[in-house]
Amino acid sequence: MNNLKALSLGVCLALGSTLVQAKAVDYKIDPTHTATVFSWNHFGFSTPSANFTDIQGVIKVDNEKPANSSVEVTIPLSSVNTSVVALDKEFQEEAWFNAAKYPNITFKSTKVETKDKKHFKITGDLTVKGVTKPVVLDAVLNKQGEHPMAKVPAIGFNATTSFDRSAFGIGSYVPNVGDKITVNITTEATAAK
């Protein structure tokens, strides 16, 4: 009888462990290892780019049911970095992002589609300057596993998207300065201990 109880307990613990592992995990984005680089055409002569240096958010990952995964991100406009101080200031003004009234850009996913084990389409609502439009991120899973330094679960993705800035009320100098914005994202995120 004791052997039967021990076996039952062992099965329960094993099942419990499997269920715990199957739960979705929240990974907090690490802004020091995350970049959101956006670029545009400048009068046909060049393709400048800029970055946001403070990305905040959570990537919820459900490995068993990827469609239940989600992404939520907030980007303070104060963190824009074009490498040109005057342009950084100009981007804060009303004609551009109007940071005084709309201090953050946000993205909240509405659907996650799996193409294969490493490639995903993440559809979500992008809000810029008080305007919300759907965008699609083409995302690639770089790695998922224990972070070698932090010793916690970690995950990393690259993603790309593009959209017309004029759709968000930022149409200054179009078409001479390109309307199409291309965005390249790389991010690391870690789970709580």
Protein backbone atom coordinates (compact mmCIF):
# COMPACT_ATOMS: atom_id res chain seq x y z
CA MET A 1 0.00 0.00 0.00
CA ASN A 2 2.84 2.37 0.85
CA ASN A 3 4.40 1.68 -2.56
CA LEU A 4 1.08 2.56 -4.25
CA LYS A 5 0.88 5.83 -2.30
CA ALA A 6 4.48 6.66 -3.18
CA LEU A 7 3.82 5.92 -6.85
CA SER A 8 0.66 8.08 -6.83
CA LEU A 9 2.54 10.91 -5.15
CA GLY A 10 5.35 10.63 -7.70
CA VAL A 11 2.89 10.76 -10.61
CA CYS A 12 1.13 13.78 -9.08
CA LEU A 13 4.43 15.62 -8.61
CA ALA A 14 5.52 14.81 -12.17
CA LEU A 15 2.22 16.02 -13.60
CA GLY A 16 2.34 19.12 -11.43
CA SER A 17 5.84 19.87 -12.65
CA THR A 18 4.73 19.49 -16.28
CA LEU A 19 1.77 21.77 -15.73
CA VAL A 20 3.97 24.42 -14.12
CA GLN A 21 6.39 24.30 -17.07
CA ALA A 22 3.52 24.63 -19.54
CA LYS A 23 2.28 27.89 -18.05
CA ALA A 24 2.87 31.14 -19.88
CA VAL A 25 5.92 33.06 -18.67
CA ASP A 26 6.16 36.84 -18.39
CA TYR A 27 9.50 38.20 -19.59
CA LYS A 28 10.34 41.79 -18.72
CA ILE A 29 12.08 43.66 -21.54
CA ASP A 30 15.66 44.67 -20.75
CA PRO A 31 16.08 48.22 -22.14
CA THR A 32 19.88 47.93 -22.00
CA HIS A 33 19.74 45.07 -24.53
CA THR A 34 16.86 46.34 -26.62
CA ALA A 35 16.90 48.65 -29.62
CA THR A 36 14.08 50.01 -31.75
CA VAL A 37 15.76 51.57 -34.77
CA PHE A 38 13.58 53.42 -37.26
CA SER A 39 14.70 54.81 -40.61
CA TRP A 40 13.32 56.98 -43.41
CA ASN A 41 14.28 58.39 -46.80
CA HIS A 42 15.75 61.91 -46.74
CA PHE A 43 15.12 63.74 -50.05
CA GLY A 44 16.28 60.62 -51.87
CA PHE A 45 19.88 61.28 -50.82
CA SER A 46 20.21 59.18 -47.67
CA THR A 47 18.42 56.87 -45.25
CA PRO A 48 18.93 58.28 -41.75
CA SER A 49 17.99 56.27 -38.69
CA ALA A 50 17.22 56.90 -35.04
CA ASN A 51 16.73 54.79 -31.95
CA PHE A 52 14.68 54.81 -28.79
CA THR A 53 16.94 54.07 -25.83
CA ASP A 54 14.26 53.32 -23.21
CA ILE A 55 11.93 50.46 -24.12
CA GLN A 56 9.65 49.16 -21.37
CA GLY A 57 7.29 46.22 -21.53
CA VAL A 58 6.44 42.57 -21.08
CA ILE A 59 6.56 39.64 -23.50
CA LYS A 60 4.22 36.86 -22.35
CA VAL A 61 5.26 33.55 -23.90
CA ASP A 62 3.12 30.41 -23.95
CA ASN A 63 5.24 27.71 -25.57
CA GLU A 64 2.40 25.18 -25.53
CA LYS A 65 -0.11 27.56 -27.12
CA PRO A 66 1.82 30.34 -28.89
CA ALA A 67 -1.45 32.01 -29.93
CA ASN A 68 -1.95 32.85 -26.23
CA SER A 69 1.35 34.77 -26.16
CA SER A 70 1.34 38.57 -26.13
CA VAL A 71 3.51 41.67 -26.23
CA GLU A 72 2.94 45.02 -24.55
CA VAL A 73 5.46 47.84 -24.94
CA THR A 74 5.77 51.48 -23.89
CA ILE A 75 8.38 53.79 -25.44
CA PRO A 76 8.94 57.19 -23.81
CA LEU A 77 9.48 59.77 -26.56
CA SER A 78 12.04 61.48 -24.35
CA SER A 79 14.38 58.58 -25.19
CA VAL A 80 14.59 59.29 -28.94
CA ASN A 81 18.18 59.50 -30.17
CA THR A 82 18.92 60.63 -33.74
CA SER A 83 22.58 61.53 -32.98
CA VAL A 84 21.59 65.12 -33.90
CA VAL A 85 20.64 67.13 -30.80
CA ALA A 86 18.58 69.68 -32.75
CA LEU A 87 16.58 66.91 -34.44
CA ASP A 88 15.96 65.15 -31.13
CA LYS A 89 14.41 68.39 -29.87
CA GLU A 90 12.45 68.94 -33.09
CA PHE A 91 10.93 65.44 -32.85
CA GLN A 92 9.48 66.39 -29.45
CA GLU A 93 7.58 69.34 -30.97
CA GLU A 94 3.90 69.49 -31.98
CA ALA A 95 4.51 69.07 -35.71
CA TRP A 96 6.21 65.75 -35.05
CA PHE A 97 5.48 63.55 -32.00
CA ASN A 98 4.06 66.29 -29.74
CA ALA A 99 5.68 64.69 -26.71
CA ALA A 100 4.23 67.24 -24.28
CA LYS A 101 0.73 65.94 -25.05
CA TYR A 102 1.57 62.37 -26.05
CA PRO A 103 4.69 61.37 -24.08
CA ASN A 104 4.69 57.68 -25.05
CA ILE A 105 4.40 55.39 -28.03
CA THR A 106 2.66 52.10 -27.17
CA PHE A 107 2.22 48.73 -28.83
CA LYS A 108 -0.21 46.07 -27.63
CA SER A 109 -0.51 42.80 -29.50
CA THR A 110 -3.91 41.50 -30.57
CA LYS A 111 -2.86 38.27 -32.32
CA VAL A 112 0.19 36.00 -32.46
CA GLU A 113 0.50 33.61 -35.40
CA THR A 114 3.11 30.87 -35.63
CA LYS A 115 4.80 30.30 -38.97
CA ASP A 116 7.20 27.71 -37.51
CA LYS A 117 9.09 27.26 -34.22
CA LYS A 118 11.18 30.39 -34.79
CA HIS A 119 9.06 32.71 -36.96
CA PHE A 120 5.95 34.57 -35.86
CA LYS A 121 3.57 37.25 -37.11
CA ILE A 122 2.53 39.54 -34.28
CA THR A 123 -0.40 41.81 -35.06
CA GLY A 124 -1.06 44.65 -32.68
CA ASP A 125 -2.25 48.17 -32.06
CA LEU A 126 0.43 50.83 -32.42
CA THR A 127 -0.45 54.17 -30.81
CA VAL A 128 1.54 57.24 -31.83
CA LYS A 129 0.49 60.82 -31.16
CA GLY A 130 -2.92 59.64 -29.93
CA VAL A 131 -3.66 57.69 -33.13
CA THR A 132 -4.01 53.91 -33.01
CA LYS A 133 -3.48 51.76 -36.10
CA PRO A 134 -2.84 48.03 -36.59
CA VAL A 135 0.68 46.96 -37.57
CA VAL A 136 2.24 43.55 -38.10
CA LEU A 137 5.64 42.59 -36.71
CA ASP A 138 7.59 39.85 -38.47
CA ALA A 139 9.36 38.32 -35.49
CA VAL A 140 12.17 35.78 -35.21
CA LEU A 141 12.97 33.92 -31.99
CA ASN A 142 16.72 34.18 -31.46
CA LYS A 143 17.03 32.11 -28.30
CA GLN A 144 15.09 30.95 -25.26
CA GLY A 145 16.75 29.47 -22.19
CA GLU A 146 18.57 30.31 -18.97
CA HIS A 147 20.52 33.57 -19.10
CA PRO A 148 24.16 32.61 -18.39
CA MET A 149 24.81 35.62 -16.14
CA ALA A 150 21.44 36.37 -14.52
CA LYS A 151 20.60 32.66 -14.07
CA VAL A 152 16.94 33.26 -14.89
CA PRO A 153 14.79 32.27 -17.88
CA ALA A 154 15.47 34.61 -20.80
CA ILE A 155 14.28 35.11 -24.35
CA GLY A 156 15.40 37.18 -27.33
CA PHE A 157 13.71 38.25 -30.55
CA ASN A 158 14.36 40.31 -33.66
CA ALA A 159 11.41 41.89 -35.46
CA THR A 160 10.68 44.21 -38.37
CA THR A 161 7.73 46.29 -39.52
CA SER A 162 6.94 49.34 -41.63
CA PHE A 163 4.15 51.91 -41.82
CA ASP A 164 3.33 55.37 -43.16
CA ARG A 165 4.02 58.05 -40.55
CA SER A 166 1.34 60.31 -42.04
CA ALA A 167 -1.28 57.78 -40.89
CA PHE A 168 -0.35 58.81 -37.34
CA GLY A 169 -0.59 62.55 -37.97
CA ILE A 170 3.15 63.02 -38.56
CA GLY A 171 3.28 64.20 -42.15
CA SER A 172 5.84 66.98 -42.05
CA TYR A 173 7.85 67.33 -45.31
CA VAL A 174 6.16 64.37 -47.04
CA PRO A 175 6.94 63.38 -49.79
CA ASN A 176 10.43 64.93 -49.80
CA VAL A 177 11.18 63.30 -46.47
CA GLY A 178 9.82 59.78 -46.84
CA ASP A 179 6.44 58.80 -45.47
CA LYS A 180 7.39 55.12 -45.09
CA ILE A 181 9.07 54.32 -41.79
CA THR A 182 10.99 51.05 -41.48
CA VAL A 183 11.48 49.67 -37.98
CA ASN A 184 14.05 47.09 -36.87
CA ILE A 185 13.77 45.76 -33.33
CA THR A 186 16.03 43.55 -31.26
CA THR A 187 15.20 42.68 -27.69
CA GLU A 188 16.23 40.58 -24.72
CA ALA A 189 13.81 39.94 -21.89
CA THR A 190 14.12 38.04 -18.62
CA ALA A 191 11.69 36.36 -16.26
CA ALA A 192 11.54 37.12 -12.56
CA LYS A 193 13.55 34.85 -10.27
